[in-house]
Amino acid sequence: MNIGIAGVGKMGAAIAMRLMELGHTVTIWNRSADKTKPLADAGATVAATPAELAAKSETIITILTDAAAIDTVYTGASGLLTGDVAGKLFIEMSTVQPATEVALAAKVRAKGTAFVECPVGGSTGPARQGQLIGLMGAEPADANRSRPLLQQMCRRIEHCGPVGAAASVKLAINLPLMVSWQAFGEAFALCRDIGMKPEQLVNLFSDISATTNAFKARAPVIAAILAGGEGAAGATFTIDSGLKDLRTMAAEGKSRGMELPLVQRAADCFEEASRAGWGPRDGAAVTVYWSSRKR
């Protein structure tokens, strides 16, 4: 299949590599052209514009930063929808508010195309192995059309409902993860003056009933930073990424008249860590920032 991917940051690049390894012909576009070079070296075709990418592809996958980026890439000058895209399939994987996906779906369908939202759970490792969790929002016919391709990327596909439903679920599943990093940080703060070695503390927290799979996976990173190191380089989900998601959750809650106090407080804490220069670090590092924060 000829597949186009607009947005080849770390997740988009991992998905592109997975699809190329499965034999698909992949065309890519990214606002920062330097990110396309590794994929071009691996065999991907680089499009000069989103419109060119759409013209060369049967299915177009987008995984973009936010609503503003979606608007620009789809409807801006030389955007994905500026040419004849009738009959194509668009799969939108960004983490944004539901209203963004609903509005986009109307614009895409008006061009005679199929539209599926499918934000994913998982990081670059699962993406490379086809082990993501896909959260699908789509009409039944569009869902069926996209499923064979999504099954090559995801170990589980959950059809959450119509477009917009999957965006809601993606924010929901990210919420406890973001809040938990702050909770672990505050827990570690209670232990910082007693002299436990970082490895001992992290090992203990990896074995308690309140731990998470994410904590276990990031345990070496957390221990390394607690010990004074930088942790693993090239984080796939950073503190700044977590802050963006928390702000999106807060905005969605506000739009529904909901109070989300844990989200708002966690966002404040992530923002403080970002201002202190920790933004590019692994999202788990907010745990270390808060545990070592000066009183």
C-alpha atoms as a PDB file:
ATOM      1  CA  MET A   1       0.000   0.000   0.000  1.00  0.00           C
ATOM      2  CA  ASN A   2       1.130   3.576  -0.651  1.00  0.00           C
ATOM      3  CA  ILE A   3       1.008   5.282   2.747  1.00  0.00           C
ATOM      4  CA  GLY A   4       1.754   8.902   3.547  1.00  0.00           C
ATOM      5  CA  ILE A   5       2.760  10.071   7.018  1.00  0.00           C
ATOM      6  CA  ALA A   6       2.636  13.755   7.908  1.00  0.00           C
ATOM      7  CA  GLY A   7       4.524  14.391  11.132  1.00  0.00           C
ATOM      8  CA  VAL A   8       7.587  12.221  11.656  1.00  0.00           C
ATOM      9  CA  GLY A   9       8.653  13.120  15.149  1.00  0.00           C
ATOM     10  CA  LYS A  10       9.689  10.202  17.302  1.00  0.00           C
ATOM     11  CA  MET A  11       6.341   8.385  17.173  1.00  0.00           C
ATOM     12  CA  GLY A  12       5.656   9.168  13.527  1.00  0.00           C
ATOM     13  CA  ALA A  13       9.135   7.997  12.580  1.00  0.00           C
ATOM     14  CA  ALA A  14       8.729   4.745  14.515  1.00  0.00           C
ATOM     15  CA  ILE A  15       5.403   4.071  12.780  1.00  0.00           C
ATOM     16  CA  ALA A  16       6.968   4.838   9.396  1.00  0.00           C
ATOM     17  CA  MET A  17       9.808   2.382  10.012  1.00  0.00           C
ATOM     18  CA  ARG A  18       7.344  -0.306  11.086  1.00  0.00           C
ATOM     19  CA  LEU A  19       5.272   0.123   7.935  1.00  0.00           C
ATOM     20  CA  MET A  20       8.307   0.122   5.637  1.00  0.00           C
ATOM     21  CA  GLU A  21       9.548  -3.077   7.232  1.00  0.00           C
ATOM     22  CA  LEU A  22       6.167  -4.639   6.440  1.00  0.00           C
ATOM     23  CA  GLY A  23       6.634  -3.792   2.767  1.00  0.00           C
ATOM     24  CA  HIS A  24       4.522  -0.664   2.398  1.00  0.00           C
ATOM     25  CA  THR A  25       5.653   2.221   0.214  1.00  0.00           C
ATOM     26  CA  VAL A  26       5.922   5.192   2.566  1.00  0.00           C
ATOM     27  CA  THR A  27       6.006   8.892   1.708  1.00  0.00           C
ATOM     28  CA  ILE A  28       6.748  11.331   4.526  1.00  0.00           C
ATOM     29  CA  TRP A  29       6.506  15.036   5.222  1.00  0.00           C
ATOM     30  CA  ASN A  30       7.556  17.008   8.278  1.00  0.00           C
ATOM     31  CA  ARG A  31       7.639  20.704   9.066  1.00  0.00           C
ATOM     32  CA  SER A  32      11.271  20.323  10.237  1.00  0.00           C
ATOM     33  CA  ALA A  33      12.903  18.723   7.218  1.00  0.00           C
ATOM     34  CA  ASP A  34      15.936  17.456   9.160  1.00  0.00           C
ATOM     35  CA  LYS A  35      13.747  14.816  10.815  1.00  0.00           C
ATOM     36  CA  THR A  36      13.031  13.197   7.443  1.00  0.00           C
ATOM     37  CA  LYS A  37      16.638  12.273   6.627  1.00  0.00           C
ATOM     38  CA  PRO A  38      16.916   9.014   8.648  1.00  0.00           C
ATOM     39  CA  LEU A  39      13.686   7.760   7.109  1.00  0.00           C
ATOM     40  CA  ALA A  40      14.756   8.826   3.621  1.00  0.00           C
ATOM     41  CA  ASP A  41      17.995   6.892   4.147  1.00  0.00           C
ATOM     42  CA  ALA A  42      15.853   3.870   5.087  1.00  0.00           C
ATOM     43  CA  GLY A  43      13.827   4.100   1.870  1.00  0.00           C
ATOM     44  CA  ALA A  44      11.003   6.568   2.467  1.00  0.00           C
ATOM     45  CA  THR A  45      10.140   9.182  -0.150  1.00  0.00           C
ATOM     46  CA  VAL A  46      10.146  12.757   1.130  1.00  0.00           C
ATOM     47  CA  ALA A  47       7.336  15.017  -0.098  1.00  0.00           C
ATOM     48  CA  ALA A  48       7.955  18.729  -0.424  1.00  0.00           C
ATOM     49  CA  THR A  49       4.460  19.626   0.834  1.00  0.00           C
ATOM     50  CA  PRO A  50       1.510  17.950   2.530  1.00  0.00           C
ATOM     51  CA  ALA A  51      -0.408  18.257  -0.759  1.00  0.00           C
ATOM     52  CA  GLU A  52       2.284  16.281  -2.572  1.00  0.00           C
ATOM     53  CA  LEU A  53       2.203  13.646   0.150  1.00  0.00           C
ATOM     54  CA  ALA A  54      -1.563  13.258  -0.208  1.00  0.00           C
ATOM     55  CA  ALA A  55      -1.318  12.995  -3.986  1.00  0.00           C
ATOM     56  CA  LYS A  56       1.157  10.119  -3.734  1.00  0.00           C
ATOM     57  CA  SER A  57      -0.700   8.134  -1.060  1.00  0.00           C
ATOM     58  CA  GLU A  58      -3.769   5.927  -0.778  1.00  0.00           C
ATOM     59  CA  THR A  59      -3.884   6.292   2.998  1.00  0.00           C
ATOM     60  CA  ILE A  60      -2.613   9.339   4.870  1.00  0.00           C
ATOM     61  CA  ILE A  61      -1.620   9.134   8.546  1.00  0.00           C
ATOM     62  CA  THR A  62      -1.164  12.337  10.527  1.00  0.00           C
ATOM     63  CA  ILE A  63       0.447  12.586  13.969  1.00  0.00           C
ATOM     64  CA  LEU A  64       0.884  16.243  14.788  1.00  0.00           C
ATOM     65  CA  THR A  65       1.601  18.456  17.781  1.00  0.00           C
ATOM     66  CA  ASP A  66      -1.675  20.258  18.376  1.00  0.00           C
ATOM     67  CA  ALA A  67      -4.830  21.720  16.840  1.00  0.00           C
ATOM     68  CA  ALA A  68      -2.956  24.602  15.224  1.00  0.00           C
ATOM     69  CA  ALA A  69      -0.588  22.192  13.473  1.00  0.00           C
ATOM     70  CA  ILE A  70      -3.528  20.078  12.300  1.00  0.00           C
ATOM     71  CA  ASP A  71      -5.238  23.115  10.814  1.00  0.00           C
ATOM     72  CA  THR A  72      -2.091  24.201   8.982  1.00  0.00           C
ATOM     73  CA  VAL A  73      -1.196  20.758   7.639  1.00  0.00           C
ATOM     74  CA  TYR A  74      -4.711  19.937   6.457  1.00  0.00           C
ATOM     75  CA  THR A  75      -6.073  23.253   5.224  1.00  0.00           C
ATOM     76  CA  GLY A  76      -3.138  25.656   4.953  1.00  0.00           C
ATOM     77  CA  ALA A  77      -1.296  26.552   1.758  1.00  0.00           C
ATOM     78  CA  SER A  78      -0.360  23.285   0.003  1.00  0.00           C
ATOM     79  CA  GLY A  79      -2.189  21.403   2.744  1.00  0.00           C
ATOM     80  CA  LEU A  80      -3.396  17.828   2.575  1.00  0.00           C
ATOM     81  CA  LEU A  81      -6.884  18.849   1.446  1.00  0.00           C
ATOM     82  CA  THR A  82      -5.900  21.340  -1.227  1.00  0.00           C
ATOM     83  CA  GLY A  83      -5.790  18.747  -4.011  1.00  0.00           C
ATOM     84  CA  ASP A  84      -8.123  15.999  -5.222  1.00  0.00           C
ATOM     85  CA  VAL A  85      -8.180  13.465  -2.383  1.00  0.00           C
ATOM     86  CA  ALA A  86     -11.505  11.792  -3.146  1.00  0.00           C
ATOM     87  CA  GLY A  87     -11.599   8.125  -2.184  1.00  0.00           C
ATOM     88  CA  LYS A  88      -8.547   8.251   0.059  1.00  0.00           C
ATOM     89  CA  LEU A  89      -8.418   7.269   3.740  1.00  0.00           C
ATOM     90  CA  PHE A  90      -7.185   9.681   6.426  1.00  0.00           C
ATOM     91  CA  ILE A  91      -6.105   8.316   9.825  1.00  0.00           C
ATOM     92  CA  GLU A  92      -5.511  11.067  12.391  1.00  0.00           C
ATOM     93  CA  MET A  93      -3.396  10.073  15.433  1.00  0.00           C
ATOM     94  CA  SER A  94      -2.717  13.330  17.273  1.00  0.00           C
ATOM     95  CA  THR A  95      -3.605  13.906  20.945  1.00  0.00           C
ATOM     96  CA  VAL A  96      -6.050  16.825  20.854  1.00  0.00           C
ATOM     97  CA  GLN A  97      -9.484  17.785  22.140  1.00  0.00           C
ATOM     98  CA  PRO A  98     -12.471  15.918  20.675  1.00  0.00           C
ATOM     99  CA  ALA A  99     -13.887  19.066  19.059  1.00  0.00           C
ATOM    100  CA  THR A 100     -10.732  19.374  16.962  1.00  0.00           C
ATOM    101  CA  GLU A 101     -11.242  15.896  15.514  1.00  0.00           C
ATOM    102  CA  VAL A 102     -14.969  16.410  14.921  1.00  0.00           C
ATOM    103  CA  ALA A 103     -14.364  19.646  13.017  1.00  0.00           C
ATOM    104  CA  LEU A 104     -11.546  18.077  11.008  1.00  0.00           C
ATOM    105  CA  ALA A 105     -13.648  15.037  10.105  1.00  0.00           C
ATOM    106  CA  ALA A 106     -16.289  17.308   8.559  1.00  0.00           C
ATOM    107  CA  LYS A 107     -13.680  19.059   6.404  1.00  0.00           C
ATOM    108  CA  VAL A 108     -12.090  15.780   5.297  1.00  0.00           C
ATOM    109  CA  ARG A 109     -15.398  14.091   4.474  1.00  0.00           C
ATOM    110  CA  ALA A 110     -16.474  17.118   2.467  1.00  0.00           C
ATOM    111  CA  LYS A 111     -13.630  16.227   0.080  1.00  0.00           C
ATOM    112  CA  GLY A 112     -15.098  12.778  -0.541  1.00  0.00           C
ATOM    113  CA  THR A 113     -12.720  10.883   1.718  1.00  0.00           C
ATOM    114  CA  ALA A 114     -12.913   8.535   4.683  1.00  0.00           C
ATOM    115  CA  PHE A 115     -11.785   9.753   8.111  1.00  0.00           C
ATOM    116  CA  VAL A 116     -10.738   7.810  11.198  1.00  0.00           C
ATOM    117  CA  GLU A 117      -9.294   9.231  14.386  1.00  0.00           C
ATOM    118  CA  CYS A 118      -6.934   6.812  16.095  1.00  0.00           C
ATOM    119  CA  PRO A 119      -4.699   8.262  18.804  1.00  0.00           C
ATOM    120  CA  VAL A 120      -2.478   5.547  20.214  1.00  0.00           C
ATOM    121  CA  GLY A 121      -1.203   4.439  23.578  1.00  0.00           C
ATOM    122  CA  GLY A 122       2.427   3.401  23.799  1.00  0.00           C
ATOM    123  CA  SER A 123       5.863   4.754  23.002  1.00  0.00           C
ATOM    124  CA  THR A 124       8.360   4.249  20.199  1.00  0.00           C
ATOM    125  CA  GLY A 125       9.325   0.733  21.298  1.00  0.00           C
ATOM    126  CA  PRO A 126       5.805  -0.681  20.925  1.00  0.00           C
ATOM    127  CA  ALA A 127       5.359   1.395  17.753  1.00  0.00           C
ATOM    128  CA  ARG A 128       8.358  -0.316  16.133  1.00  0.00           C
ATOM    129  CA  GLN A 129       6.965  -3.725  17.110  1.00  0.00           C
ATOM    130  CA  GLY A 130       3.354  -3.100  16.105  1.00  0.00           C
ATOM    131  CA  GLN A 131       2.265  -3.282  19.750  1.00  0.00           C
ATOM    132  CA  LEU A 132       0.470   0.031  20.252  1.00  0.00           C
ATOM    133  CA  ILE A 133      -3.053   0.387  21.627  1.00  0.00           C
ATOM    134  CA  GLY A 134      -5.234   2.071  19.023  1.00  0.00           C
ATOM    135  CA  LEU A 135      -8.222   4.135  20.162  1.00  0.00           C
ATOM    136  CA  MET A 136     -10.510   4.437  17.183  1.00  0.00           C
ATOM    137  CA  GLY A 137     -13.260   6.964  16.566  1.00  0.00           C
ATOM    138  CA  ALA A 138     -15.045   6.409  13.260  1.00  0.00           C
ATOM    139  CA  GLU A 139     -18.183   5.441  11.411  1.00  0.00           C
ATOM    140  CA  PRO A 140     -18.443   1.637  11.118  1.00  0.00           C
ATOM    141  CA  ALA A 141     -17.579   1.497   7.405  1.00  0.00           C
ATOM    142  CA  ASP A 142     -14.514   3.689   7.847  1.00  0.00           C
ATOM    143  CA  ALA A 143     -13.452   1.700  10.896  1.00  0.00           C
ATOM    144  CA  ASN A 144     -13.625  -1.533   8.904  1.00  0.00           C
ATOM    145  CA  ARG A 145     -11.636  -0.014   6.071  1.00  0.00           C
ATOM    146  CA  SER A 146      -8.840   1.145   8.360  1.00  0.00           C
ATOM    147  CA  ARG A 147      -8.666  -1.904  10.606  1.00  0.00           C
ATOM    148  CA  PRO A 148      -6.351  -4.113   8.462  1.00  0.00           C
ATOM    149  CA  LEU A 149      -3.689  -1.383   8.425  1.00  0.00           C
ATOM    150  CA  LEU A 150      -4.157  -0.452  12.077  1.00  0.00           C
ATOM    151  CA  GLN A 151      -3.774  -4.101  13.044  1.00  0.00           C
ATOM    152  CA  GLN A 152      -0.249  -3.948  11.647  1.00  0.00           C
ATOM    153  CA  MET A 153       0.541  -1.136  14.096  1.00  0.00           C
ATOM    154  CA  CYS A 154      -1.542  -2.062  17.151  1.00  0.00           C
ATOM    155  CA  ARG A 155      -1.855  -5.092  19.408  1.00  0.00           C
ATOM    156  CA  ARG A 156      -5.303  -3.870  20.453  1.00  0.00           C
ATOM    157  CA  ILE A 157      -7.800  -1.657  18.643  1.00  0.00           C
ATOM    158  CA  GLU A 158     -10.657  -0.240  20.675  1.00  0.00           C
ATOM    159  CA  HIS A 159     -13.499   1.272  18.643  1.00  0.00           C
ATOM    160  CA  CYS A 160     -14.625   3.917  21.143  1.00  0.00           C
ATOM    161  CA  GLY A 161     -17.505   5.308  19.086  1.00  0.00           C
ATOM    162  CA  PRO A 162     -17.885   8.069  16.498  1.00  0.00           C
ATOM    163  CA  VAL A 163     -15.191  10.630  15.761  1.00  0.00           C
ATOM    164  CA  GLY A 164     -14.388  12.541  18.942  1.00  0.00           C
ATOM    165  CA  ALA A 165     -14.897   9.570  21.257  1.00  0.00           C
ATOM    166  CA  ALA A 166     -11.349   8.307  20.825  1.00  0.00           C
ATOM    167  CA  ALA A 167      -9.882  11.736  21.587  1.00  0.00           C
ATOM    168  CA  SER A 168     -11.795  11.724  24.865  1.00  0.00           C
ATOM    169  CA  VAL A 169     -10.539   8.262  25.760  1.00  0.00           C
ATOM    170  CA  LYS A 170      -6.928   9.184  24.881  1.00  0.00           C
ATOM    171  CA  LEU A 171      -7.007  12.123  27.268  1.00  0.00           C
ATOM    172  CA  ALA A 172      -8.623   9.875  29.890  1.00  0.00           C
ATOM    173  CA  ILE A 173      -5.969   7.160  29.697  1.00  0.00           C
ATOM    174  CA  ASN A 174      -3.140   9.702  29.832  1.00  0.00           C
ATOM    175  CA  LEU A 175      -4.612  11.472  32.871  1.00  0.00           C
ATOM    176  CA  PRO A 176      -3.762   8.918  35.597  1.00  0.00           C
ATOM    177  CA  LEU A 177      -0.294   8.423  34.115  1.00  0.00           C
ATOM    178  CA  MET A 178       0.569  12.131  34.297  1.00  0.00           C
ATOM    179  CA  VAL A 179      -0.865  12.487  37.797  1.00  0.00           C
ATOM    180  CA  SER A 180       1.017   9.378  38.968  1.00  0.00           C
ATOM    181  CA  TRP A 181       4.398  10.853  38.046  1.00  0.00           C
ATOM    182  CA  GLN A 182       3.672  13.799  40.324  1.00  0.00           C
ATOM    183  CA  ALA A 183       2.395  11.461  43.060  1.00  0.00           C
ATOM    184  CA  PHE A 184       5.588   9.389  42.971  1.00  0.00           C
ATOM    185  CA  GLY A 185       7.621  12.587  43.162  1.00  0.00           C
ATOM    186  CA  GLU A 186       5.841  13.690  46.299  1.00  0.00           C
ATOM    187  CA  ALA A 187       6.241  10.210  47.778  1.00  0.00           C
ATOM    188  CA  PHE A 188       9.977  10.299  47.078  1.00  0.00           C
ATOM    189  CA  ALA A 189      10.186  13.752  48.661  1.00  0.00           C
ATOM    190  CA  LEU A 190       9.068  12.194  51.959  1.00  0.00           C
ATOM    191  CA  CYS A 191      12.041   9.818  51.750  1.00  0.00           C
ATOM    192  CA  ARG A 192      14.787  12.113  50.503  1.00  0.00           C
ATOM    193  CA  ASP A 193      16.384  12.823  53.903  1.00  0.00           C
ATOM    194  CA  ILE A 194      16.583   9.260  55.232  1.00  0.00           C
ATOM    195  CA  GLY A 195      19.608   8.096  53.238  1.00  0.00           C
ATOM    196  CA  MET A 196      18.138   5.307  51.088  1.00  0.00           C
ATOM    197  CA  LYS A 197      20.106   4.682  47.906  1.00  0.00           C
ATOM    198  CA  PRO A 198      18.244   5.568  44.696  1.00  0.00           C
ATOM    199  CA  GLU A 199      18.356   1.984  43.432  1.00  0.00           C
ATOM    200  CA  GLN A 200      16.938   0.704  46.728  1.00  0.00           C
ATOM    201  CA  LEU A 201      14.117   3.241  46.748  1.00  0.00           C
ATOM    202  CA  VAL A 202      13.154   2.665  43.115  1.00  0.00           C
ATOM    203  CA  ASN A 203      13.306  -1.111  43.566  1.00  0.00           C
ATOM    204  CA  LEU A 204      10.938  -0.874  46.523  1.00  0.00           C
ATOM    205  CA  PHE A 205       8.464   1.325  44.658  1.00  0.00           C
ATOM    206  CA  SER A 206       8.557  -1.086  41.726  1.00  0.00           C
ATOM    207  CA  ASP A 207       7.197  -3.791  44.008  1.00  0.00           C
ATOM    208  CA  ILE A 208       4.317  -2.054  45.785  1.00  0.00           C
ATOM    209  CA  SER A 209       0.641  -2.444  44.972  1.00  0.00           C
ATOM    210  CA  ALA A 210       0.307   1.208  43.945  1.00  0.00           C
ATOM    211  CA  THR A 211       3.010   1.082  41.290  1.00  0.00           C
ATOM    212  CA  THR A 212       2.323   1.305  37.551  1.00  0.00           C
ATOM    213  CA  ASN A 213       3.655  -0.504  34.513  1.00  0.00           C
ATOM    214  CA  ALA A 214       5.045   2.846  33.371  1.00  0.00           C
ATOM    215  CA  PHE A 215       6.983   3.237  36.614  1.00  0.00           C
ATOM    216  CA  LYS A 216       8.452  -0.250  36.245  1.00  0.00           C
ATOM    217  CA  ALA A 217       9.469   0.458  32.650  1.00  0.00           C
ATOM    218  CA  ARG A 218      11.086   3.785  33.596  1.00  0.00           C
ATOM    219  CA  ALA A 219      12.674   2.549  36.833  1.00  0.00           C
ATOM    220  CA  PRO A 220      16.262   2.574  35.457  1.00  0.00           C
ATOM    221  CA  VAL A 221      15.770   6.128  34.141  1.00  0.00           C
ATOM    222  CA  ILE A 222      14.390   7.316  37.478  1.00  0.00           C
ATOM    223  CA  ALA A 223      17.196   5.657  39.463  1.00  0.00           C
ATOM    224  CA  ALA A 224      19.847   7.159  37.176  1.00  0.00           C
ATOM    225  CA  ILE A 225      18.470  10.692  37.556  1.00  0.00           C
ATOM    226  CA  LEU A 226      18.052  10.295  41.318  1.00  0.00           C
ATOM    227  CA  ALA A 227      21.726   9.320  41.431  1.00  0.00           C
ATOM    228  CA  GLY A 228      22.664  12.586  39.743  1.00  0.00           C
ATOM    229  CA  GLY A 229      22.697  11.560  36.092  1.00  0.00           C
ATOM    230  CA  GLU A 230      20.723  12.868  33.159  1.00  0.00           C
ATOM    231  CA  GLY A 231      18.879   9.614  32.557  1.00  0.00           C
ATOM    232  CA  ALA A 232      18.330   8.056  29.164  1.00  0.00           C
ATOM    233  CA  ALA A 233      18.945  10.371  26.213  1.00  0.00           C
ATOM    234  CA  GLY A 234      16.363  10.935  23.498  1.00  0.00           C
ATOM    235  CA  ALA A 235      13.218  10.686  25.615  1.00  0.00           C
ATOM    236  CA  THR A 236      10.189   9.599  23.613  1.00  0.00           C
ATOM    237  CA  PHE A 237       7.711  11.324  25.942  1.00  0.00           C
ATOM    238  CA  THR A 238       9.044  14.393  27.688  1.00  0.00           C
ATOM    239  CA  ILE A 239       7.938  16.569  30.583  1.00  0.00           C
ATOM    240  CA  ASP A 240       6.931  19.176  28.001  1.00  0.00           C
ATOM    241  CA  SER A 241       4.836  16.528  26.190  1.00  0.00           C
ATOM    242  CA  GLY A 242       3.119  15.689  29.457  1.00  0.00           C
ATOM    243  CA  LEU A 243       2.486  19.359  30.133  1.00  0.00           C
ATOM    244  CA  LYS A 244       0.888  19.756  26.697  1.00  0.00           C
ATOM    245  CA  ASP A 245      -1.414  16.800  27.355  1.00  0.00           C
ATOM    246  CA  LEU A 246      -2.364  18.069  30.823  1.00  0.00           C
ATOM    247  CA  ARG A 247      -3.246  21.471  29.408  1.00  0.00           C
ATOM    248  CA  THR A 248      -5.364  19.743  26.752  1.00  0.00           C
ATOM    249  CA  MET A 249      -7.172  17.751  29.461  1.00  0.00           C
ATOM    250  CA  ALA A 250      -7.796  20.918  31.462  1.00  0.00           C
ATOM    251  CA  ALA A 251      -9.144  22.709  28.383  1.00  0.00           C
ATOM    252  CA  GLU A 252     -11.463  19.803  27.625  1.00  0.00           C
ATOM    253  CA  GLY A 253     -12.722  19.726  31.193  1.00  0.00           C
ATOM    254  CA  LYS A 254     -13.378  23.460  31.094  1.00  0.00           C
ATOM    255  CA  SER A 255     -15.258  23.136  27.798  1.00  0.00           C
ATOM    256  CA  ARG A 256     -17.566  20.601  29.465  1.00  0.00           C
ATOM    257  CA  GLY A 257     -18.007  22.573  32.676  1.00  0.00           C
ATOM    258  CA  MET A 258     -16.049  19.966  34.630  1.00  0.00           C
ATOM    259  CA  GLU A 259     -13.660  20.596  37.502  1.00  0.00           C
ATOM    260  CA  LEU A 260     -10.452  18.549  37.170  1.00  0.00           C
ATOM    261  CA  PRO A 261      -8.411  19.657  40.190  1.00  0.00           C
ATOM    262  CA  LEU A 262      -5.771  16.918  39.966  1.00  0.00           C
ATOM    263  CA  VAL A 263      -5.161  17.718  36.307  1.00  0.00           C
ATOM    264  CA  GLN A 264      -4.791  21.432  36.978  1.00  0.00           C
ATOM    265  CA  ARG A 265      -2.419  20.921  39.910  1.00  0.00           C
ATOM    266  CA  ALA A 266      -0.342  18.370  37.990  1.00  0.00           C
ATOM    267  CA  ALA A 267      -0.115  20.808  35.084  1.00  0.00           C
ATOM    268  CA  ASP A 268       1.189  23.481  37.449  1.00  0.00           C
ATOM    269  CA  CYS A 269       3.822  21.069  38.731  1.00  0.00           C
ATOM    270  CA  PHE A 270       4.905  19.972  35.246  1.00  0.00           C
ATOM    271  CA  GLU A 271       5.066  23.623  34.201  1.00  0.00           C
ATOM    272  CA  GLU A 272       7.339  24.442  37.126  1.00  0.00           C
ATOM    273  CA  ALA A 273       9.664  21.575  36.149  1.00  0.00           C
ATOM    274  CA  SER A 274       9.667  22.808  32.562  1.00  0.00           C
ATOM    275  CA  ARG A 275      10.524  26.361  33.611  1.00  0.00           C
ATOM    276  CA  ALA A 276      13.399  24.947  35.644  1.00  0.00           C
ATOM    277  CA  GLY A 277      14.888  23.474  32.459  1.00  0.00           C
ATOM    278  CA  TRP A 278      13.611  19.921  32.827  1.00  0.00           C
ATOM    279  CA  GLY A 279      11.133  20.094  29.923  1.00  0.00           C
ATOM    280  CA  PRO A 280      13.161  18.014  27.403  1.00  0.00           C
ATOM    281  CA  ARG A 281      13.754  15.204  29.903  1.00  0.00           C
ATOM    282  CA  ASP A 282      11.780  11.968  30.069  1.00  0.00           C
ATOM    283  CA  GLY A 283       8.300  12.516  31.480  1.00  0.00           C
ATOM    284  CA  ALA A 284       9.184  10.279  34.420  1.00  0.00           C
ATOM    285  CA  ALA A 285      11.830  12.811  35.437  1.00  0.00           C
ATOM    286  CA  VAL A 286       9.138  15.049  36.918  1.00  0.00           C
ATOM    287  CA  THR A 287       9.156  12.521  39.746  1.00  0.00           C
ATOM    288  CA  VAL A 288      12.807  13.279  40.403  1.00  0.00           C
ATOM    289  CA  TYR A 289      12.399  17.024  39.968  1.00  0.00           C
ATOM    290  CA  TRP A 290       9.698  17.199  42.596  1.00  0.00           C
ATOM    291  CA  SER A 291      11.463  14.875  45.033  1.00  0.00           C
ATOM    292  CA  SER A 292      14.619  17.027  44.914  1.00  0.00           C
ATOM    293  CA  ARG A 293      12.895  20.416  44.709  1.00  0.00           C
ATOM    294  CA  LYS A 294      14.168  22.960  47.207  1.00  0.00           C
ATOM    295  CA  ARG A 295      11.808  23.689  50.024  1.00  0.00           C
END
